[in-house]
């Protein structure tokens, strides 16, 4: 297995703010702006989409602004630079940033065990057909590489049998499969359902091969969090309430609706995604928490994730005191 240069979006960021949030902020000048670094808008952002739709951030006195980075490297860089207050990032990037001198902490979970579908070109009928082919990934240090490698190994392929090419986020990876530039890629919801409906094939789900994992987290700068404890707690309180809202069956209608609206998905695709998430119950944390054992597994296997040197002890960068306060 070898990597070709990653063509991510780097520092190019696009700030998106919902009209509802903007209007509310104008009506209530007491709201405090929070800039949240978001990779891309997919089902893994469900609690944040819910919190916006249901006014949970506003109830906590927060004017929530989403900053789209396009990939986890960009959201990590923006957080380190102070362009955002919180960021969705994978745990590997946080560990790598701290190894390079940053002081970021995990304040809450995000996606625990990610649900990704291995979408392949229609010409691919089995894992054996991937031998000698190229597969799209985000970049050389993305945790999905660990997941993908285990899916391939479980089906008889060794690292020498394929080539991983770093192309960026799920939209870029899927586009590469659609154009025939690569044979396959891990794609999340609802894009995978859209791809399947358009004639592409699936070789399985990531959750069939990997468990006890911590994929993405909500990160913050340690010094900023300490200076803004009340704001951090309020932000996380809205997040926790949104996670609880997601798992309450009576809320299915607004939960499905917000995903369809914000991801531009068809209602059927949003409902399939909801059914999948409710079936596995592995991805969105029920209380916003972190799978500490899963996080330790990531840190212990740092070499497999492409990190150049051993990261600091993972327990030293997980600070769940803010989350504990938010849950009260």
C-alpha atoms as a PDB file:
ATOM      1  CA  UNK A   1       0.000   0.000   0.000  1.00  0.00           C
ATOM      2  CA  UNK A   2       1.386   3.403  -0.921  1.00  0.00           C
ATOM      3  CA  UNK A   3      -0.017   6.898  -0.898  1.00  0.00           C
ATOM      4  CA  UNK A   4      -0.113   9.526  -3.594  1.00  0.00           C
ATOM      5  CA  UNK A   5      -0.152  13.189  -2.562  1.00  0.00           C
ATOM      6  CA  UNK A   6      -3.351  14.373  -0.930  1.00  0.00           C
ATOM      7  CA  UNK A   7      -5.279  17.101  -2.713  1.00  0.00           C
ATOM      8  CA  UNK A   8      -7.301  18.505   0.200  1.00  0.00           C
ATOM      9  CA  UNK A   9      -8.775  21.980   0.434  1.00  0.00           C
ATOM     10  CA  UNK A  10      -6.135  23.186   2.917  1.00  0.00           C
ATOM     11  CA  UNK A  11      -6.961  26.429   4.611  1.00  0.00           C
ATOM     12  CA  UNK A  12      -9.844  27.379   2.325  1.00  0.00           C
ATOM     13  CA  UNK A  13     -12.820  27.796   4.643  1.00  0.00           C
ATOM     14  CA  UNK A  14     -16.377  28.781   3.956  1.00  0.00           C
ATOM     15  CA  UNK A  15     -18.448  30.159   6.806  1.00  0.00           C
ATOM     16  CA  UNK A  16     -22.109  29.274   6.662  1.00  0.00           C
ATOM     17  CA  UNK A  17     -24.711  30.734   8.955  1.00  0.00           C
ATOM     18  CA  UNK A  18     -28.379  29.823   8.835  1.00  0.00           C
ATOM     19  CA  UNK A  19     -30.803  32.652   8.227  1.00  0.00           C
ATOM     20  CA  UNK A  20     -32.718  31.641  11.347  1.00  0.00           C
ATOM     21  CA  UNK A  21     -29.604  31.965  13.469  1.00  0.00           C
ATOM     22  CA  UNK A  22     -28.744  35.319  11.902  1.00  0.00           C
ATOM     23  CA  UNK A  23     -32.256  36.681  12.485  1.00  0.00           C
ATOM     24  CA  UNK A  24     -32.299  35.484  16.081  1.00  0.00           C
ATOM     25  CA  UNK A  25     -28.895  37.028  16.703  1.00  0.00           C
ATOM     26  CA  UNK A  26     -30.118  40.366  15.377  1.00  0.00           C
ATOM     27  CA  UNK A  27     -33.160  40.191  17.648  1.00  0.00           C
ATOM     28  CA  UNK A  28     -31.143  39.148  20.682  1.00  0.00           C
ATOM     29  CA  UNK A  29     -27.780  40.929  20.876  1.00  0.00           C
ATOM     30  CA  UNK A  30     -26.969  39.064  24.084  1.00  0.00           C
ATOM     31  CA  UNK A  31     -26.148  35.882  22.157  1.00  0.00           C
ATOM     32  CA  UNK A  32     -22.489  34.900  22.195  1.00  0.00           C
ATOM     33  CA  UNK A  33     -21.019  33.863  18.858  1.00  0.00           C
ATOM     34  CA  UNK A  34     -19.442  30.417  18.701  1.00  0.00           C
ATOM     35  CA  UNK A  35     -17.531  29.408  15.585  1.00  0.00           C
ATOM     36  CA  UNK A  36     -17.696  25.664  15.004  1.00  0.00           C
ATOM     37  CA  UNK A  37     -15.320  24.029  12.526  1.00  0.00           C
ATOM     38  CA  UNK A  38     -17.300  21.443  10.573  1.00  0.00           C
ATOM     39  CA  UNK A  39     -15.684  19.010   8.103  1.00  0.00           C
ATOM     40  CA  UNK A  40     -18.682  18.569   5.770  1.00  0.00           C
ATOM     41  CA  UNK A  41     -22.410  18.343   6.393  1.00  0.00           C
ATOM     42  CA  UNK A  42     -23.375  14.674   6.579  1.00  0.00           C
ATOM     43  CA  UNK A  43     -25.355  12.424   8.893  1.00  0.00           C
ATOM     44  CA  UNK A  44     -22.531  12.469  11.448  1.00  0.00           C
ATOM     45  CA  UNK A  45     -23.453  16.113  12.085  1.00  0.00           C
ATOM     46  CA  UNK A  46     -27.002  15.159  13.004  1.00  0.00           C
ATOM     47  CA  UNK A  47     -26.944  16.415  16.621  1.00  0.00           C
ATOM     48  CA  UNK A  48     -25.652  19.820  15.534  1.00  0.00           C
ATOM     49  CA  UNK A  49     -28.281  20.072  12.791  1.00  0.00           C
ATOM     50  CA  UNK A  50     -30.926  19.187  15.365  1.00  0.00           C
ATOM     51  CA  UNK A  51     -29.599  21.721  17.863  1.00  0.00           C
ATOM     52  CA  UNK A  52     -29.855  24.443  15.218  1.00  0.00           C
ATOM     53  CA  UNK A  53     -33.309  23.440  14.017  1.00  0.00           C
ATOM     54  CA  UNK A  54     -34.760  23.091  17.500  1.00  0.00           C
ATOM     55  CA  UNK A  55     -33.235  26.319  18.809  1.00  0.00           C
ATOM     56  CA  UNK A  56     -31.104  24.546  21.416  1.00  0.00           C
ATOM     57  CA  UNK A  57     -28.067  26.755  20.896  1.00  0.00           C
ATOM     58  CA  UNK A  58     -30.148  29.922  21.104  1.00  0.00           C
ATOM     59  CA  UNK A  59     -31.683  28.703  24.362  1.00  0.00           C
ATOM     60  CA  UNK A  60     -28.142  28.522  25.741  1.00  0.00           C
ATOM     61  CA  UNK A  61     -27.430  32.079  24.598  1.00  0.00           C
ATOM     62  CA  UNK A  62     -25.281  30.963  21.658  1.00  0.00           C
ATOM     63  CA  UNK A  63     -25.169  32.316  18.123  1.00  0.00           C
ATOM     64  CA  UNK A  64     -23.924  29.162  16.348  1.00  0.00           C
ATOM     65  CA  UNK A  65     -21.830  29.718  13.220  1.00  0.00           C
ATOM     66  CA  UNK A  66     -20.655  26.768  11.149  1.00  0.00           C
ATOM     67  CA  UNK A  67     -17.296  26.969   9.377  1.00  0.00           C
ATOM     68  CA  UNK A  68     -16.928  24.341   6.672  1.00  0.00           C
ATOM     69  CA  UNK A  69     -13.354  23.087   6.290  1.00  0.00           C
ATOM     70  CA  UNK A  70     -13.860  20.254   3.807  1.00  0.00           C
ATOM     71  CA  UNK A  71     -11.543  17.850   5.611  1.00  0.00           C
ATOM     72  CA  UNK A  72     -10.309  17.183   9.119  1.00  0.00           C
ATOM     73  CA  UNK A  73      -6.876  18.663   8.451  1.00  0.00           C
ATOM     74  CA  UNK A  74      -8.453  22.019   7.646  1.00  0.00           C
ATOM     75  CA  UNK A  75     -10.707  22.030  10.710  1.00  0.00           C
ATOM     76  CA  UNK A  76      -7.735  21.127  12.908  1.00  0.00           C
ATOM     77  CA  UNK A  77      -5.584  23.883  11.413  1.00  0.00           C
ATOM     78  CA  UNK A  78      -8.355  26.441  11.887  1.00  0.00           C
ATOM     79  CA  UNK A  79      -8.793  25.470  15.528  1.00  0.00           C
ATOM     80  CA  UNK A  80      -5.061  25.676  16.242  1.00  0.00           C
ATOM     81  CA  UNK A  81      -4.927  29.084  14.546  1.00  0.00           C
ATOM     82  CA  UNK A  82      -7.845  30.380  16.621  1.00  0.00           C
ATOM     83  CA  UNK A  83     -10.200  30.820  13.660  1.00  0.00           C
ATOM     84  CA  UNK A  84     -12.742  28.568  15.360  1.00  0.00           C
ATOM     85  CA  UNK A  85     -13.681  27.885  18.967  1.00  0.00           C
ATOM     86  CA  UNK A  86     -14.607  24.222  18.582  1.00  0.00           C
ATOM     87  CA  UNK A  87     -13.903  21.790  15.779  1.00  0.00           C
ATOM     88  CA  UNK A  88     -15.071  18.481  14.465  1.00  0.00           C
ATOM     89  CA  UNK A  89     -11.890  16.518  13.754  1.00  0.00           C
ATOM     90  CA  UNK A  90     -10.680  12.999  13.865  1.00  0.00           C
ATOM     91  CA  UNK A  91      -8.755  11.995  16.946  1.00  0.00           C
ATOM     92  CA  UNK A  92      -5.624  11.238  14.922  1.00  0.00           C
ATOM     93  CA  UNK A  93      -5.389  14.839  13.725  1.00  0.00           C
ATOM     94  CA  UNK A  94      -5.727  16.128  17.268  1.00  0.00           C
ATOM     95  CA  UNK A  95      -2.960  13.808  18.459  1.00  0.00           C
ATOM     96  CA  UNK A  96      -0.766  14.854  15.545  1.00  0.00           C
ATOM     97  CA  UNK A  97      -1.362  18.553  16.216  1.00  0.00           C
ATOM     98  CA  UNK A  98      -0.390  18.156  19.874  1.00  0.00           C
ATOM     99  CA  UNK A  99       2.730  16.228  18.889  1.00  0.00           C
ATOM    100  CA  UNK A 100       3.647  19.264  16.784  1.00  0.00           C
ATOM    101  CA  UNK A 101       3.257  21.662  19.717  1.00  0.00           C
ATOM    102  CA  UNK A 102      -0.441  22.490  19.897  1.00  0.00           C
ATOM    103  CA  UNK A 103      -2.462  22.021  23.094  1.00  0.00           C
ATOM    104  CA  UNK A 104      -5.866  20.775  21.999  1.00  0.00           C
ATOM    105  CA  UNK A 105      -8.256  18.769  24.127  1.00  0.00           C
ATOM    106  CA  UNK A 106     -11.241  16.528  23.525  1.00  0.00           C
ATOM    107  CA  UNK A 107     -14.293  18.030  25.225  1.00  0.00           C
ATOM    108  CA  UNK A 108     -16.928  15.675  23.784  1.00  0.00           C
ATOM    109  CA  UNK A 109     -17.434  12.840  21.379  1.00  0.00           C
ATOM    110  CA  UNK A 110     -18.700  13.112  17.832  1.00  0.00           C
ATOM    111  CA  UNK A 111     -18.865   9.979  15.664  1.00  0.00           C
ATOM    112  CA  UNK A 112     -17.879   6.913  17.651  1.00  0.00           C
ATOM    113  CA  UNK A 113     -17.859   3.940  15.262  1.00  0.00           C
ATOM    114  CA  UNK A 114     -18.347   5.502  11.829  1.00  0.00           C
ATOM    115  CA  UNK A 115     -20.904   4.009   9.446  1.00  0.00           C
ATOM    116  CA  UNK A 116     -19.345   4.064   5.997  1.00  0.00           C
ATOM    117  CA  UNK A 117     -20.235   2.041   2.927  1.00  0.00           C
ATOM    118  CA  UNK A 118     -17.482   0.786   0.643  1.00  0.00           C
ATOM    119  CA  UNK A 119     -18.896   2.140  -2.610  1.00  0.00           C
ATOM    120  CA  UNK A 120     -17.293   0.644  -5.713  1.00  0.00           C
ATOM    121  CA  UNK A 121     -17.484   1.105  -9.450  1.00  0.00           C
ATOM    122  CA  UNK A 122     -20.142  -1.114 -11.104  1.00  0.00           C
ATOM    123  CA  UNK A 123     -17.362  -3.165 -12.694  1.00  0.00           C
ATOM    124  CA  UNK A 124     -16.227  -4.317  -9.223  1.00  0.00           C
ATOM    125  CA  UNK A 125     -18.150  -7.408  -8.122  1.00  0.00           C
ATOM    126  CA  UNK A 126     -16.084  -8.584  -5.134  1.00  0.00           C
ATOM    127  CA  UNK A 127     -13.139  -7.699  -2.925  1.00  0.00           C
ATOM    128  CA  UNK A 128     -10.943  -9.837  -5.161  1.00  0.00           C
ATOM    129  CA  UNK A 129     -11.662  -7.419  -8.017  1.00  0.00           C
ATOM    130  CA  UNK A 130      -9.955  -4.647  -6.024  1.00  0.00           C
ATOM    131  CA  UNK A 131      -6.553  -6.305  -6.344  1.00  0.00           C
ATOM    132  CA  UNK A 132      -4.221  -3.956  -8.176  1.00  0.00           C
ATOM    133  CA  UNK A 133      -6.743  -1.121  -8.029  1.00  0.00           C
ATOM    134  CA  UNK A 134      -6.669   2.375  -6.533  1.00  0.00           C
ATOM    135  CA  UNK A 135      -8.907   3.387  -3.633  1.00  0.00           C
ATOM    136  CA  UNK A 136      -9.751   6.948  -2.604  1.00  0.00           C
ATOM    137  CA  UNK A 137      -9.120   8.079   0.983  1.00  0.00           C
ATOM    138  CA  UNK A 138      -8.972  11.459   2.687  1.00  0.00           C
ATOM    139  CA  UNK A 139      -5.203  11.440   3.237  1.00  0.00           C
ATOM    140  CA  UNK A 140      -2.373   9.439   4.781  1.00  0.00           C
ATOM    141  CA  UNK A 141      -3.330  10.031   8.442  1.00  0.00           C
ATOM    142  CA  UNK A 142      -7.106   9.595   8.336  1.00  0.00           C
ATOM    143  CA  UNK A 143      -8.593   6.961  10.695  1.00  0.00           C
ATOM    144  CA  UNK A 144     -10.760   5.677   7.866  1.00  0.00           C
ATOM    145  CA  UNK A 145      -7.600   4.177   6.381  1.00  0.00           C
ATOM    146  CA  UNK A 146      -7.414   1.928   9.454  1.00  0.00           C
ATOM    147  CA  UNK A 147     -11.048   0.949   8.952  1.00  0.00           C
ATOM    148  CA  UNK A 148     -10.667   0.370   5.213  1.00  0.00           C
ATOM    149  CA  UNK A 149      -7.493  -1.690   5.659  1.00  0.00           C
ATOM    150  CA  UNK A 150      -9.310  -3.992   8.078  1.00  0.00           C
ATOM    151  CA  UNK A 151     -12.215  -4.442   5.716  1.00  0.00           C
ATOM    152  CA  UNK A 152      -9.809  -5.358   2.937  1.00  0.00           C
ATOM    153  CA  UNK A 153      -7.697  -7.653   5.135  1.00  0.00           C
ATOM    154  CA  UNK A 154     -10.785  -9.506   6.345  1.00  0.00           C
ATOM    155  CA  UNK A 155     -11.514 -10.270   2.706  1.00  0.00           C
ATOM    156  CA  UNK A 156      -8.068 -11.533   1.747  1.00  0.00           C
ATOM    157  CA  UNK A 157      -6.286  -8.402   0.518  1.00  0.00           C
ATOM    158  CA  UNK A 158      -2.882  -7.281   1.804  1.00  0.00           C
ATOM    159  CA  UNK A 159      -1.490  -3.716   1.689  1.00  0.00           C
ATOM    160  CA  UNK A 160       0.556  -4.724  -1.358  1.00  0.00           C
ATOM    161  CA  UNK A 161      -2.625  -5.500  -3.286  1.00  0.00           C
ATOM    162  CA  UNK A 162      -3.990  -1.958  -3.556  1.00  0.00           C
ATOM    163  CA  UNK A 163      -3.044   1.711  -3.642  1.00  0.00           C
ATOM    164  CA  UNK A 164      -4.591   4.436  -1.495  1.00  0.00           C
ATOM    165  CA  UNK A 165      -4.878   7.913  -3.005  1.00  0.00           C
ATOM    166  CA  UNK A 166      -5.603  10.931  -0.793  1.00  0.00           C
ATOM    167  CA  UNK A 167      -8.382  12.968  -2.400  1.00  0.00           C
ATOM    168  CA  UNK A 168     -10.119  14.708   0.506  1.00  0.00           C
ATOM    169  CA  UNK A 169     -13.602  14.407   1.962  1.00  0.00           C
ATOM    170  CA  UNK A 170     -16.417  12.028   1.050  1.00  0.00           C
ATOM    171  CA  UNK A 171     -17.781  14.202  -1.821  1.00  0.00           C
ATOM    172  CA  UNK A 172     -14.369  14.200  -3.532  1.00  0.00           C
ATOM    173  CA  UNK A 173     -13.895  10.480  -2.947  1.00  0.00           C
ATOM    174  CA  UNK A 174     -17.311   9.596  -4.323  1.00  0.00           C
ATOM    175  CA  UNK A 175     -16.774  11.825  -7.354  1.00  0.00           C
ATOM    176  CA  UNK A 176     -13.543   9.960  -8.101  1.00  0.00           C
ATOM    177  CA  UNK A 177     -15.399   6.626  -8.047  1.00  0.00           C
ATOM    178  CA  UNK A 178     -18.135   8.013 -10.274  1.00  0.00           C
ATOM    179  CA  UNK A 179     -15.585   9.272 -12.799  1.00  0.00           C
ATOM    180  CA  UNK A 180     -13.709   5.981 -12.791  1.00  0.00           C
ATOM    181  CA  UNK A 181     -10.488   7.422 -11.418  1.00  0.00           C
ATOM    182  CA  UNK A 182     -10.559   4.981  -8.505  1.00  0.00           C
ATOM    183  CA  UNK A 183     -12.225   1.632  -7.963  1.00  0.00           C
ATOM    184  CA  UNK A 184     -13.817   2.435  -4.630  1.00  0.00           C
ATOM    185  CA  UNK A 185     -14.042   4.588  -1.527  1.00  0.00           C
ATOM    186  CA  UNK A 186     -15.672   4.682   1.878  1.00  0.00           C
ATOM    187  CA  UNK A 187     -18.707   6.988   1.687  1.00  0.00           C
ATOM    188  CA  UNK A 188     -21.092   7.988   4.456  1.00  0.00           C
ATOM    189  CA  UNK A 189     -24.792   8.778   4.518  1.00  0.00           C
ATOM    190  CA  UNK A 190     -26.826   9.817   2.703  1.00  0.00           C
ATOM    191  CA  UNK A 191     -24.359  10.000  -0.212  1.00  0.00           C
ATOM    192  CA  UNK A 192     -23.909   6.226  -0.208  1.00  0.00           C
ATOM    193  CA  UNK A 193     -27.639   5.655  -0.711  1.00  0.00           C
ATOM    194  CA  UNK A 194     -27.617   8.145  -3.571  1.00  0.00           C
ATOM    195  CA  UNK A 195     -24.672   6.328  -5.186  1.00  0.00           C
ATOM    196  CA  UNK A 196     -26.363   2.934  -4.813  1.00  0.00           C
ATOM    197  CA  UNK A 197     -29.560   4.273  -6.361  1.00  0.00           C
ATOM    198  CA  UNK A 198     -27.568   5.535  -9.353  1.00  0.00           C
ATOM    199  CA  UNK A 199     -26.064   2.136 -10.149  1.00  0.00           C
ATOM    200  CA  UNK A 200     -22.935   1.845  -8.038  1.00  0.00           C
ATOM    201  CA  UNK A 201     -22.277  -1.162  -5.809  1.00  0.00           C
ATOM    202  CA  UNK A 202     -21.462  -1.812  -2.154  1.00  0.00           C
ATOM    203  CA  UNK A 203     -18.983  -4.257  -0.644  1.00  0.00           C
ATOM    204  CA  UNK A 204     -20.207  -3.786   2.903  1.00  0.00           C
ATOM    205  CA  UNK A 205     -20.375  -1.488   5.919  1.00  0.00           C
ATOM    206  CA  UNK A 206     -17.504  -0.382   8.137  1.00  0.00           C
ATOM    207  CA  UNK A 207     -19.503  -1.299  11.234  1.00  0.00           C
ATOM    208  CA  UNK A 208     -19.371  -4.947  10.164  1.00  0.00           C
ATOM    209  CA  UNK A 209     -15.599  -4.945  10.676  1.00  0.00           C
ATOM    210  CA  UNK A 210     -14.668  -2.337  13.319  1.00  0.00           C
ATOM    211  CA  UNK A 211     -16.053  -1.787  16.806  1.00  0.00           C
ATOM    212  CA  UNK A 212     -14.861  -0.125  20.031  1.00  0.00           C
ATOM    213  CA  UNK A 213     -13.474   2.895  18.201  1.00  0.00           C
ATOM    214  CA  UNK A 214     -13.450   6.688  18.518  1.00  0.00           C
ATOM    215  CA  UNK A 215     -13.533   8.271  15.085  1.00  0.00           C
ATOM    216  CA  UNK A 216     -14.224  11.994  15.324  1.00  0.00           C
ATOM    217  CA  UNK A 217     -14.396  14.208  18.393  1.00  0.00           C
ATOM    218  CA  UNK A 218     -15.276  17.759  19.387  1.00  0.00           C
ATOM    219  CA  UNK A 219     -12.022  19.536  20.092  1.00  0.00           C
ATOM    220  CA  UNK A 220     -11.040  22.870  21.621  1.00  0.00           C
ATOM    221  CA  UNK A 221      -7.888  24.713  22.631  1.00  0.00           C
ATOM    222  CA  UNK A 222      -7.126  23.936  26.261  1.00  0.00           C
ATOM    223  CA  UNK A 223      -6.402  27.538  27.288  1.00  0.00           C
ATOM    224  CA  UNK A 224      -9.484  28.886  25.492  1.00  0.00           C
ATOM    225  CA  UNK A 225     -11.743  26.294  27.135  1.00  0.00           C
ATOM    226  CA  UNK A 226     -10.378  27.140  30.580  1.00  0.00           C
ATOM    227  CA  UNK A 227     -11.013  30.846  30.036  1.00  0.00           C
ATOM    228  CA  UNK A 228     -14.502  30.264  28.630  1.00  0.00           C
ATOM    229  CA  UNK A 229     -15.774  27.462  30.847  1.00  0.00           C
ATOM    230  CA  UNK A 230     -19.364  28.703  31.028  1.00  0.00           C
ATOM    231  CA  UNK A 231     -19.598  29.019  27.251  1.00  0.00           C
ATOM    232  CA  UNK A 232     -18.110  25.556  26.731  1.00  0.00           C
ATOM    233  CA  UNK A 233     -20.626  24.052  29.145  1.00  0.00           C
ATOM    234  CA  UNK A 234     -23.547  25.815  27.474  1.00  0.00           C
ATOM    235  CA  UNK A 235     -22.395  24.690  24.032  1.00  0.00           C
ATOM    236  CA  UNK A 236     -22.098  21.096  25.202  1.00  0.00           C
ATOM    237  CA  UNK A 237     -25.446  21.233  26.993  1.00  0.00           C
ATOM    238  CA  UNK A 238     -27.127  21.984  23.658  1.00  0.00           C
ATOM    239  CA  UNK A 239     -25.150  19.175  22.043  1.00  0.00           C
ATOM    240  CA  UNK A 240     -26.121  16.637  24.722  1.00  0.00           C
ATOM    241  CA  UNK A 241     -29.776  17.586  24.437  1.00  0.00           C
ATOM    242  CA  UNK A 242     -29.594  17.143  20.676  1.00  0.00           C
ATOM    243  CA  UNK A 243     -28.073  13.661  21.046  1.00  0.00           C
ATOM    244  CA  UNK A 244     -30.884  12.717  23.431  1.00  0.00           C
ATOM    245  CA  UNK A 245     -33.452  14.232  21.047  1.00  0.00           C
ATOM    246  CA  UNK A 246     -32.092  12.078  18.212  1.00  0.00           C
ATOM    247  CA  UNK A 247     -32.651   8.807  20.075  1.00  0.00           C
ATOM    248  CA  UNK A 248     -36.195   9.628  21.212  1.00  0.00           C
ATOM    249  CA  UNK A 249     -38.498   7.707  18.790  1.00  0.00           C
ATOM    250  CA  UNK A 250     -41.221  10.353  18.931  1.00  0.00           C
ATOM    251  CA  UNK A 251     -38.794  12.821  17.325  1.00  0.00           C
ATOM    252  CA  UNK A 252     -38.268  10.801  14.146  1.00  0.00           C
ATOM    253  CA  UNK A 253     -40.118  13.275  11.913  1.00  0.00           C
ATOM    254  CA  UNK A 254     -38.044  16.402  12.745  1.00  0.00           C
ATOM    255  CA  UNK A 255     -34.838  14.311  12.861  1.00  0.00           C
ATOM    256  CA  UNK A 256     -35.383  12.900   9.369  1.00  0.00           C
ATOM    257  CA  UNK A 257     -36.568  16.246   8.042  1.00  0.00           C
ATOM    258  CA  UNK A 258     -33.490  18.191   9.114  1.00  0.00           C
ATOM    259  CA  UNK A 259     -31.123  15.687   7.511  1.00  0.00           C
ATOM    260  CA  UNK A 260     -33.031  15.753   4.232  1.00  0.00           C
ATOM    261  CA  UNK A 261     -33.143  19.540   4.181  1.00  0.00           C
ATOM    262  CA  UNK A 262     -29.543  20.220   5.166  1.00  0.00           C
ATOM    263  CA  UNK A 263     -27.888  17.513   3.031  1.00  0.00           C
ATOM    264  CA  UNK A 264     -30.205  18.033   0.024  1.00  0.00           C
ATOM    265  CA  UNK A 265     -31.167  14.362   0.232  1.00  0.00           C
ATOM    266  CA  UNK A 266     -34.439  12.785  -0.797  1.00  0.00           C
ATOM    267  CA  UNK A 267     -36.797  11.926   2.027  1.00  0.00           C
ATOM    268  CA  UNK A 268     -36.362   8.195   1.332  1.00  0.00           C
ATOM    269  CA  UNK A 269     -32.575   8.462   1.633  1.00  0.00           C
ATOM    270  CA  UNK A 270     -32.860  10.360   4.920  1.00  0.00           C
ATOM    271  CA  UNK A 271     -35.233   7.728   6.309  1.00  0.00           C
ATOM    272  CA  UNK A 272     -32.861   4.911   5.306  1.00  0.00           C
ATOM    273  CA  UNK A 273     -30.033   6.723   7.052  1.00  0.00           C
ATOM    274  CA  UNK A 274     -32.121   7.168  10.184  1.00  0.00           C
ATOM    275  CA  UNK A 275     -33.040   3.474  10.202  1.00  0.00           C
ATOM    276  CA  UNK A 276     -29.372   2.515   9.840  1.00  0.00           C
ATOM    277  CA  UNK A 277     -28.245   4.768  12.689  1.00  0.00           C
ATOM    278  CA  UNK A 278     -31.016   3.557  14.955  1.00  0.00           C
ATOM    279  CA  UNK A 279     -30.220  -0.056  14.109  1.00  0.00           C
ATOM    280  CA  UNK A 280     -26.526   0.106  15.004  1.00  0.00           C
ATOM    281  CA  UNK A 281     -26.678   2.867  17.655  1.00  0.00           C
ATOM    282  CA  UNK A 282     -22.879   2.964  17.437  1.00  0.00           C
ATOM    283  CA  UNK A 283     -22.181   6.294  15.784  1.00  0.00           C
ATOM    284  CA  UNK A 284     -23.942   9.147  17.584  1.00  0.00           C
ATOM    285  CA  UNK A 285     -23.183   9.091  21.330  1.00  0.00           C
ATOM    286  CA  UNK A 286     -26.359   9.008  23.399  1.00  0.00           C
ATOM    287  CA  UNK A 287     -25.000  11.541  25.883  1.00  0.00           C
ATOM    288  CA  UNK A 288     -22.340  13.285  23.813  1.00  0.00           C
ATOM    289  CA  UNK A 289     -19.603  11.216  25.386  1.00  0.00           C
ATOM    290  CA  UNK A 290     -16.332   9.680  24.304  1.00  0.00           C
ATOM    291  CA  UNK A 291     -15.484   6.004  23.986  1.00  0.00           C
ATOM    292  CA  UNK A 292     -12.306   6.271  26.064  1.00  0.00           C
ATOM    293  CA  UNK A 293     -11.286   2.677  25.360  1.00  0.00           C
ATOM    294  CA  UNK A 294     -11.777   3.322  21.654  1.00  0.00           C
ATOM    295  CA  UNK A 295      -9.691   6.485  21.908  1.00  0.00           C
ATOM    296  CA  UNK A 296      -6.907   4.544  23.605  1.00  0.00           C
ATOM    297  CA  UNK A 297      -6.992   2.009  20.788  1.00  0.00           C
ATOM    298  CA  UNK A 298      -6.473   4.790  18.257  1.00  0.00           C
ATOM    299  CA  UNK A 299      -3.538   6.211  20.227  1.00  0.00           C
ATOM    300  CA  UNK A 300      -1.937   2.808  20.742  1.00  0.00           C
ATOM    301  CA  UNK A 301      -1.976   2.172  17.000  1.00  0.00           C
ATOM    302  CA  UNK A 302      -0.554   5.584  16.090  1.00  0.00           C
ATOM    303  CA  UNK A 303       1.893   4.152  13.570  1.00  0.00           C
ATOM    304  CA  UNK A 304      -0.938   2.595  11.584  1.00  0.00           C
ATOM    305  CA  UNK A 305      -2.567   5.996  11.312  1.00  0.00           C
ATOM    306  CA  UNK A 306       0.503   7.552   9.712  1.00  0.00           C
ATOM    307  CA  UNK A 307       1.740   9.605  12.673  1.00  0.00           C
ATOM    308  CA  UNK A 308       5.490  10.189  12.596  1.00  0.00           C
ATOM    309  CA  UNK A 309       6.076  10.004  16.334  1.00  0.00           C
ATOM    310  CA  UNK A 310       4.371   8.730  19.446  1.00  0.00           C
ATOM    311  CA  UNK A 311       1.611  11.133  20.554  1.00  0.00           C
ATOM    312  CA  UNK A 312       1.128  12.282  24.147  1.00  0.00           C
ATOM    313  CA  UNK A 313      -0.914   9.956  26.405  1.00  0.00           C
ATOM    314  CA  UNK A 314      -4.473  10.049  25.103  1.00  0.00           C
ATOM    315  CA  UNK A 315      -5.956  10.374  28.597  1.00  0.00           C
ATOM    316  CA  UNK A 316      -4.073  13.658  29.019  1.00  0.00           C
ATOM    317  CA  UNK A 317      -5.952  15.237  26.125  1.00  0.00           C
ATOM    318  CA  UNK A 318      -9.443  14.037  27.058  1.00  0.00           C
ATOM    319  CA  UNK A 319     -11.121  16.493  29.424  1.00  0.00           C
ATOM    320  CA  UNK A 320     -14.715  15.491  30.052  1.00  0.00           C
ATOM    321  CA  UNK A 321     -15.212  17.834  33.021  1.00  0.00           C
ATOM    322  CA  UNK A 322     -17.086  20.337  30.838  1.00  0.00           C
ATOM    323  CA  UNK A 323     -19.356  17.592  29.519  1.00  0.00           C
ATOM    324  CA  UNK A 324     -20.042  16.349  33.043  1.00  0.00           C
ATOM    325  CA  UNK A 325     -21.134  19.862  34.020  1.00  0.00           C
ATOM    326  CA  UNK A 326     -23.315  20.115  30.923  1.00  0.00           C
ATOM    327  CA  UNK A 327     -25.120  16.890  31.785  1.00  0.00           C
ATOM    328  CA  UNK A 328     -26.230  18.169  35.203  1.00  0.00           C
END
